[in-house]
Every structure is written in C-alpha cells, then in structure tokens.
Amino acid sequence: MGAMDEETRTQRLVAAERRAEALFEEVVRRELIKPGRREQEVSDDVRDLAAEVMGTSRFWHKRVVRAGPNTLEPYRENPPDREIAADDVVFLDLGPIFAPPGSPEWEADLGRTYVLGDDPVKHRLRDDLGRVFAAGREYFETHPDITGEQLYAEVVRLAEEAGWAFGGPHSGHLVGEFPHQLIDEDRKHSYITPGNDVRMRTQDPSGRDCHWILEVHLVDHERRIGGFVEQLLTLQGAAPPV
C-alpha cells in the first residue's frame, strides 16, 4: 500500500469511531439505559437504533450490555440477562460495522460506562476508567518499542494503583477493515495480552500499519461492580473516553 492508501485507511478508521461515538450519544439521548429495562432489551434497541440513524444493523462482535454484578464478567462470558436497577453501573461494548460509499466495510469498537444513582464509589469507578485509559495511552506513546505484553502489564499496574482489579485477560486488540482476519482468539499477537512479545508498532503481512484498540476493565469483586471503556489507541480521532 502506498502512503496515500494508508492515510485513507486511517481516516476511515477514525471516521468509523466517530460514527460509533454518535451512536452512543444517541443511546443516551433516547434514554435507552434506565431502571426496569433488561440488558437484552437495551441490546435490541441499540441494534435497531444503529439501523435507523447509521444505516447499519451489523456488528462485528456480539453486542455487550452489562449491568450490576454482570459488569464483573469479561467479554467471553455470557451471564444471564439482568434487569437494570436504579443504582446500577451499566456498560456497553459495541462493534458496529460501517461502509462509506465506494469503500470497504470498517470496524469500530467502542465501550462506555454509565452510572445510575449517586453512589460515589461507582462514580469514581467511571471516572477512573478515563484516567487509566489516558495513562495507558501515554505509556504507549512514550515507549516506541513497546510489546503487547508490556502494555498489558502497565494497564494492570495502573488499575491496581487506582485501587481496582483488572477484569480481563487482555487489554485490547487489532482493528481494521472488516473482516479483520488477523483477529484470532488463539493468536496472542492479535491482542494486548501476556505472551505477546511482538512490537505493537509493526505492519501486518500485507504491509499495512497495525492499529490497536485499548480496553480498560476495572472491577471491585467485593462490591461486585465493574466498569469498561475502549476505543482507538493508535489514532487520535475521537474525544477521550469519559
């Protein structure tokens, strides 16, 4: 790929993330997350909303809506559907697929956490997600030869420093055109995870720059709450997570 092609590619990834941000904003505007609704109801409404306002109902991974104790569970788990309570923490992890006219389909991957009620610990959890994400991104930016396992170790350290446990077996993954064939759950080099000793700033077999999603999953097992945030790590397209 030439320089212009790579520039266009990165622009498409940023544009996909911005559209995903707009989808989340519409979820909040329409008050889809509120007490008395079930997680699956919210997930179905998000699917329909994406079709209505974004022209897509396709997601490259399962839609994740978690509330209360279910927020402790990592992505791979499938806890029982739960009704959202008045004081819950709720997080969404969505991977909508967008296809600009004349362009391949592009993956977005975005996660956000919402707090219902006034519990100060839960609000601190939500706020710490953005702080840990920003610190993890800064660490990545200041270590040009960083590997996936090194960044994972730093994100875990940052989580523990903030007073939380880290909730997932990895803290991010590759992202790109859909379907992104490098994403393989059995290949550690596709993830920011222990055992990935490859430099993150590298190219894929086609000679394209690798771009990464950073995930932060903070949990408190005693209080049975967790929070989650994710977005692009290697491109600065959208606003910092909040």
Protein backbone atom coordinates (compact mmCIF):
# COMPACT_ATOMS: atom_id res chain seq x y z
CA MET A 1 0.00 0.00 0.00
CA GLY A 2 1.22 3.48 -0.80
CA ALA A 3 1.31 6.39 1.61
CA MET A 4 -1.97 7.84 0.34
CA ASP A 5 -3.72 4.49 0.73
CA GLU A 6 -2.55 4.22 4.33
CA GLU A 7 -3.67 7.78 5.03
CA THR A 8 -7.12 6.99 3.63
CA ARG A 9 -7.25 3.80 5.67
CA THR A 10 -6.53 5.62 8.93
CA GLN A 11 -9.09 8.28 8.07
CA ARG A 12 -11.71 5.55 7.61
CA LEU A 13 -10.89 4.01 10.99
CA VAL A 14 -11.21 7.38 12.70
CA ALA A 15 -14.47 8.09 10.84
CA ALA A 16 -15.88 4.72 11.98
CA GLU A 17 -15.04 5.55 15.58
CA ARG A 18 -16.68 8.94 15.31
CA ARG A 19 -19.86 7.34 13.99
CA ALA A 20 -19.78 4.87 16.88
CA GLU A 21 -19.43 7.82 19.29
CA ALA A 22 -22.51 9.36 17.70
CA LEU A 23 -24.41 6.09 18.20
CA PHE A 24 -23.55 6.08 21.91
CA GLU A 25 -24.64 9.71 22.20
CA GLU A 26 -27.99 8.80 20.65
CA VAL A 27 -28.37 5.88 23.09
CA VAL A 28 -28.04 8.38 25.94
CA ARG A 29 -30.28 10.99 24.30
CA ARG A 30 -33.07 8.45 23.88
CA GLU A 31 -32.62 7.20 27.45
CA LEU A 32 -32.30 3.57 26.45
CA ILE A 33 -30.36 2.79 29.65
CA LYS A 34 -32.68 3.13 32.62
CA PRO A 35 -34.01 1.14 35.57
CA GLY A 36 -36.52 -1.58 34.84
CA ARG A 37 -35.18 -2.40 31.38
CA ARG A 38 -33.41 -5.68 30.72
CA GLU A 39 -29.94 -5.88 29.21
CA GLN A 40 -31.27 -7.73 26.17
CA GLU A 41 -33.91 -5.04 25.60
CA VAL A 42 -31.20 -2.39 25.51
CA SER A 43 -29.09 -4.51 23.17
CA ASP A 44 -32.02 -5.00 20.76
CA ASP A 45 -32.82 -1.29 20.84
CA VAL A 46 -29.20 -0.43 20.07
CA ARG A 47 -29.33 -2.75 17.06
CA ASP A 48 -32.49 -1.06 15.81
CA LEU A 49 -31.13 2.40 16.55
CA ALA A 50 -27.96 1.72 14.57
CA ALA A 51 -30.10 0.74 11.59
CA GLU A 52 -32.27 3.83 11.97
CA VAL A 53 -29.63 6.54 12.42
CA MET A 54 -26.49 4.93 10.98
CA GLY A 55 -27.85 2.68 8.26
CA THR A 56 -26.33 -0.48 9.71
CA SER A 57 -27.54 -3.26 11.98
CA ARG A 58 -24.32 -5.27 11.60
CA PHE A 59 -21.82 -5.65 14.42
CA TRP A 60 -18.53 -7.47 14.06
CA HIS A 61 -18.73 -8.92 17.57
CA LYS A 62 -21.62 -9.65 19.90
CA ARG A 63 -23.29 -6.60 21.42
CA VAL A 64 -22.47 -6.46 25.13
CA VAL A 65 -24.77 -4.74 27.62
CA ARG A 66 -23.88 -5.50 31.24
CA ALA A 67 -25.42 -4.18 34.48
CA GLY A 68 -24.81 -4.68 38.18
CA PRO A 69 -22.81 -7.84 39.03
CA ASN A 70 -22.71 -8.77 35.34
CA THR A 71 -20.22 -5.92 34.87
CA LEU A 72 -17.60 -8.13 36.54
CA GLU A 73 -17.69 -10.56 33.63
CA PRO A 74 -15.19 -10.32 30.75
CA TYR A 75 -16.26 -10.31 27.12
CA ARG A 76 -16.18 -14.08 26.56
CA GLU A 77 -18.70 -14.78 29.30
CA ASN A 78 -22.46 -14.73 28.75
CA PRO A 79 -24.11 -14.04 32.12
CA PRO A 80 -27.89 -14.36 32.48
CA ASP A 81 -29.96 -11.43 31.21
CA ARG A 82 -30.47 -8.94 34.03
CA GLU A 83 -32.94 -6.16 34.76
CA ILE A 84 -31.18 -2.82 35.29
CA ALA A 85 -31.61 -1.49 38.83
CA ALA A 86 -31.89 2.12 39.99
CA ASP A 87 -28.33 2.31 41.33
CA ASP A 88 -26.50 0.11 38.81
CA VAL A 89 -23.31 0.54 36.87
CA VAL A 90 -24.03 -0.28 33.21
CA PHE A 91 -21.56 -0.67 30.39
CA LEU A 92 -21.91 -1.15 26.65
CA ASP A 93 -19.33 -2.72 24.32
CA LEU A 94 -20.32 -2.31 20.68
CA GLY A 95 -18.57 -3.12 17.41
CA PRO A 96 -20.67 -1.59 14.64
CA ILE A 97 -19.61 -2.02 11.01
CA PHE A 98 -19.76 0.99 8.72
CA ALA A 99 -19.40 1.07 4.93
CA PRO A 100 -18.86 4.52 3.38
CA PRO A 101 -19.94 4.76 -0.29
CA GLY A 102 -17.38 3.05 -2.51
CA SER A 103 -15.34 1.88 0.48
CA PRO A 104 -14.76 -1.47 2.18
CA GLU A 105 -16.55 -2.09 5.46
CA TRP A 106 -14.78 -0.72 8.53
CA GLU A 107 -14.80 -1.88 12.12
CA ALA A 108 -15.44 0.37 15.07
CA ASP A 109 -15.08 -0.85 18.64
CA LEU A 110 -16.22 1.35 21.48
CA GLY A 111 -17.05 0.79 25.14
CA ARG A 112 -18.57 3.20 27.64
CA THR A 113 -19.78 3.03 31.24
CA TYR A 114 -22.79 4.74 32.79
CA VAL A 115 -23.70 5.15 36.45
CA LEU A 116 -27.32 5.28 37.59
CA GLY A 117 -27.73 6.84 41.02
CA ASP A 118 -25.38 8.79 43.26
CA ASP A 119 -23.06 6.15 44.72
CA PRO A 120 -19.67 7.93 44.98
CA VAL A 121 -17.67 4.72 44.60
CA LYS A 122 -19.42 3.90 41.35
CA HIS A 123 -18.84 7.41 40.06
CA ARG A 124 -15.16 7.14 40.98
CA LEU A 125 -15.02 3.85 39.09
CA ARG A 126 -16.42 5.50 35.98
CA ASP A 127 -14.04 8.45 36.27
CA ASP A 128 -11.01 6.21 36.84
CA LEU A 129 -11.70 4.39 33.58
CA GLY A 130 -10.82 7.53 31.62
CA ARG A 131 -7.78 8.24 33.80
CA VAL A 132 -6.35 4.74 33.39
CA PHE A 133 -7.04 4.81 29.65
CA ALA A 134 -5.25 8.15 29.27
CA ALA A 135 -2.27 6.94 31.32
CA GLY A 136 -2.09 3.72 29.30
CA ARG A 137 -2.16 5.67 26.04
CA GLU A 138 0.58 7.99 27.31
CA TYR A 139 2.71 4.98 28.25
CA PHE A 140 2.23 3.56 24.76
CA GLU A 141 3.15 6.87 23.15
CA THR A 142 6.34 7.25 25.18
CA HIS A 143 7.60 3.70 24.59
CA PRO A 144 8.10 3.29 20.83
CA ASP A 145 9.21 -0.35 21.04
CA ILE A 146 6.51 -1.49 23.45
CA THR A 147 5.11 -5.00 23.08
CA GLY A 148 1.58 -6.20 23.75
CA GLU A 149 2.53 -7.93 26.97
CA GLN A 150 4.36 -4.85 28.24
CA LEU A 151 1.38 -2.58 27.69
CA TYR A 152 -0.95 -5.10 29.32
CA ALA A 153 1.30 -5.22 32.40
CA GLU A 154 1.29 -1.43 32.62
CA VAL A 155 -2.50 -1.16 32.32
CA VAL A 156 -2.92 -3.76 35.06
CA ARG A 157 -0.47 -1.80 37.23
CA LEU A 158 -2.37 1.42 36.61
CA ALA A 159 -5.65 -0.26 37.55
CA GLU A 160 -4.24 -1.57 40.81
CA GLU A 161 -2.62 1.78 41.58
CA ALA A 162 -6.10 3.35 41.28
CA GLY A 163 -7.49 0.79 43.74
CA TRP A 164 -9.17 -1.65 41.34
CA ALA A 165 -8.52 -5.11 39.96
CA PHE A 166 -8.19 -5.56 36.20
CA GLY A 167 -11.07 -7.59 34.83
CA GLY A 168 -9.89 -9.06 31.55
CA PRO A 169 -7.29 -11.47 30.12
CA HIS A 170 -6.26 -8.80 27.61
CA SER A 171 -6.44 -5.01 27.33
CA GLY A 172 -7.09 -4.58 23.62
CA HIS A 173 -6.66 -5.93 20.12
CA LEU A 174 -6.05 -5.13 16.47
CA VAL A 175 -8.71 -3.32 14.47
CA GLY A 176 -9.13 -2.57 10.79
CA GLU A 177 -11.17 -3.38 7.71
CA PHE A 178 -13.98 -5.89 8.17
CA PRO A 179 -13.50 -8.79 8.34
CA HIS A 180 -10.19 -8.20 10.08
CA GLN A 181 -8.59 -11.58 9.52
CA LEU A 182 -5.71 -11.01 11.94
CA ILE A 183 -8.14 -11.15 14.86
CA ASP A 184 -7.85 -14.72 16.08
CA GLU A 185 -8.53 -15.64 19.70
CA ASP A 186 -5.81 -18.28 19.53
CA ARG A 187 -3.18 -15.81 18.29
CA LYS A 188 -1.70 -13.78 21.12
CA HIS A 189 -0.12 -11.40 18.61
CA SER A 190 -3.60 -10.05 17.83
CA TYR A 191 -4.06 -8.94 21.45
CA ILE A 192 -2.56 -6.72 24.13
CA THR A 193 -2.00 -9.63 26.47
CA PRO A 194 0.60 -11.70 28.31
CA GLY A 195 2.65 -13.72 25.87
CA ASN A 196 2.54 -11.17 23.04
CA ASP A 197 6.21 -10.24 22.81
CA VAL A 198 5.91 -8.56 19.39
CA ARG A 199 6.30 -4.80 18.98
CA MET A 200 2.92 -3.17 18.65
CA ARG A 201 4.24 -0.64 16.14
CA THR A 202 4.62 -3.02 13.24
CA GLN A 203 2.95 -3.95 9.98
CA ASP A 204 0.68 -6.82 9.07
CA PRO A 205 1.62 -9.37 6.37
CA SER A 206 0.12 -7.08 3.71
CA GLY A 207 2.43 -4.23 4.71
CA ARG A 208 -0.29 -2.16 6.39
CA ASP A 209 0.29 -0.38 9.68
CA CYS A 210 -1.23 -2.19 12.64
CA HIS A 211 -3.81 -0.19 14.59
CA TRP A 212 -4.97 -1.07 18.05
CA ILE A 213 -7.95 -0.76 20.36
CA LEU A 214 -7.16 -0.20 24.05
CA GLU A 215 -9.55 -1.71 26.62
CA VAL A 216 -9.78 -0.92 30.33
CA HIS A 217 -11.95 -3.16 32.52
CA LEU A 218 -11.82 -2.15 36.19
CA VAL A 219 -13.56 -4.30 38.79
CA ASP A 220 -14.20 -4.46 42.51
CA HIS A 221 -15.02 -8.04 43.43
CA GLU A 222 -16.08 -7.20 46.97
CA ARG A 223 -18.63 -4.60 45.87
CA ARG A 224 -19.48 -6.68 42.78
CA ILE A 225 -19.15 -3.82 40.32
CA GLY A 226 -17.11 -3.22 37.21
CA GLY A 227 -16.65 -0.62 34.52
CA PHE A 228 -15.38 -0.79 30.96
CA VAL A 229 -14.08 1.60 28.34
CA GLU A 230 -12.41 1.07 24.98
CA GLN A 231 -11.56 2.96 21.83
CA LEU A 232 -8.74 3.51 19.36
CA LEU A 233 -5.30 3.63 20.93
CA THR A 234 -3.10 4.38 17.95
CA LEU A 235 -5.22 7.07 16.28
CA GLN A 236 -6.45 10.20 18.00
CA GLY A 237 -9.76 10.54 16.22
CA ALA A 238 -12.38 10.75 18.95
CA ALA A 239 -12.65 12.52 22.27
CA PRO A 240 -11.01 10.84 25.29
CA PRO A 241 -13.31 8.31 26.98
CA VAL A 242 -15.45 9.65 29.82
